[in-house]
Amino acid sequence: MIIGSFYDEVLRELIVAVGGALFVANVYALLRRRADADRIAPTTVARARPGSPVRGQANPAAKRELAQVPVGRTVAYAAIGFFVMVVGIASLTA
């Protein structure tokens, strides 16, 4: 069955692509960790002061940003992405 094997091949390639994207994106997030902390630090201090005009009393539950990516979660997602990518490559070469 030619069509079935074509779709199997495409599915394996998509698994490699998704795993690789998850791995690369999380490694990139770990590399940008310090730059993100430097970028968000001034606004975090301004929001913490009582009576700050940046705080926005009309909208106290405004969207919050993480100062840095959580290391444990990011490493876990990168490991999952690497595992999925390696399994996908193994299934392509088998």
Protein backbone atom coordinates (compact mmCIF):
# COMPACT_ATOMS: atom_id res chain seq x y z
CA MET A 1 0.00 0.00 0.00
CA ILE A 2 1.83 3.07 -1.29
CA ILE A 3 -0.50 5.71 0.13
CA GLY A 4 -0.42 4.23 3.63
CA SER A 5 3.36 4.17 3.71
CA PHE A 6 3.45 7.79 2.48
CA TYR A 7 1.27 8.93 5.38
CA ASP A 8 3.30 6.87 7.84
CA GLU A 9 6.46 8.58 6.60
CA VAL A 10 4.89 12.05 6.88
CA LEU A 11 3.67 11.30 10.41
CA ARG A 12 7.18 10.21 11.45
CA GLU A 13 8.65 13.38 9.97
CA LEU A 14 6.09 15.51 11.81
CA ILE A 15 6.98 13.78 15.08
CA VAL A 16 10.66 14.59 14.51
CA ALA A 17 9.78 18.21 13.66
CA VAL A 18 7.58 18.73 16.74
CA GLY A 19 10.14 17.11 19.05
CA GLY A 20 12.95 19.16 17.56
CA ALA A 21 10.96 22.38 17.82
CA LEU A 22 10.12 21.68 21.48
CA PHE A 23 13.78 20.95 22.24
CA VAL A 24 15.21 23.97 20.40
CA ALA A 25 12.63 26.42 21.78
CA ASN A 26 13.24 25.39 25.39
CA VAL A 27 17.02 25.49 25.03
CA TYR A 28 16.66 28.98 23.52
CA ALA A 29 14.47 30.01 26.47
CA LEU A 30 17.17 28.83 28.87
CA LEU A 31 19.81 30.81 26.98
CA ARG A 32 17.69 34.00 27.11
CA ARG A 33 16.96 33.61 30.81
CA ARG A 34 19.23 36.43 32.01
CA ALA A 35 18.13 38.86 29.30
CA ASP A 36 14.50 38.28 30.24
CA ALA A 37 15.22 39.00 33.90
CA ASP A 38 16.98 42.25 32.99
CA ARG A 39 14.07 43.29 30.75
CA ILE A 40 11.28 42.68 33.27
CA ALA A 41 13.08 43.93 36.44
CA PRO A 42 12.21 47.67 36.12
CA THR A 43 8.48 47.04 35.69
CA THR A 44 8.40 44.50 38.51
CA VAL A 45 9.85 47.01 40.98
CA ALA A 46 7.47 49.74 39.82
CA ARG A 47 4.41 47.51 40.24
CA ALA A 48 5.46 46.45 43.73
CA ARG A 49 5.45 49.97 45.22
CA PRO A 50 2.18 50.96 46.86
CA GLY A 51 0.49 53.87 45.10
CA SER A 52 2.53 53.41 41.96
CA PRO A 53 0.82 54.77 38.83
CA VAL A 54 2.17 51.75 36.95
CA ARG A 55 0.23 49.46 39.24
CA GLY A 56 -3.13 50.36 37.70
CA GLN A 57 -5.72 50.49 40.47
CA ALA A 58 -8.58 50.04 37.99
CA ASN A 59 -7.16 46.71 36.86
CA PRO A 60 -5.31 45.14 39.81
CA ALA A 61 -5.20 41.65 38.26
CA ALA A 62 -3.37 42.66 35.10
CA LYS A 63 -1.53 40.14 32.97
CA ARG A 64 1.67 39.11 34.73
CA GLU A 65 4.91 38.12 33.07
CA LEU A 66 7.41 35.68 34.49
CA ALA A 67 10.72 37.34 35.26
CA GLN A 68 12.59 34.24 34.14
CA VAL A 69 11.62 30.89 32.73
CA PRO A 70 11.28 28.19 35.37
CA VAL A 71 14.40 26.05 35.05
CA GLY A 72 12.90 22.73 36.08
CA ARG A 73 9.93 22.93 33.75
CA THR A 74 12.04 24.16 30.85
CA VAL A 75 14.64 21.42 31.26
CA ALA A 76 11.89 18.81 31.52
CA TYR A 77 10.20 20.04 28.33
CA ALA A 78 13.56 20.16 26.53
CA ALA A 79 14.25 16.57 27.60
CA ILE A 80 10.82 15.45 26.38
CA GLY A 81 11.39 17.23 23.07
CA PHE A 82 14.82 15.64 22.68
CA PHE A 83 13.42 12.18 23.45
CA VAL A 84 10.57 12.60 20.95
CA MET A 85 13.00 13.85 18.31
CA VAL A 86 15.40 10.94 18.83
CA VAL A 87 12.60 8.37 18.75
CA GLY A 88 11.24 9.97 15.58
CA ILE A 89 14.66 9.86 13.92
CA ALA A 90 15.08 6.24 14.99
CA SER A 91 11.71 5.36 13.47
CA LEU A 92 12.69 7.10 10.21
CA THR A 93 15.94 5.20 9.91
CA ALA A 94 14.53 1.80 10.91
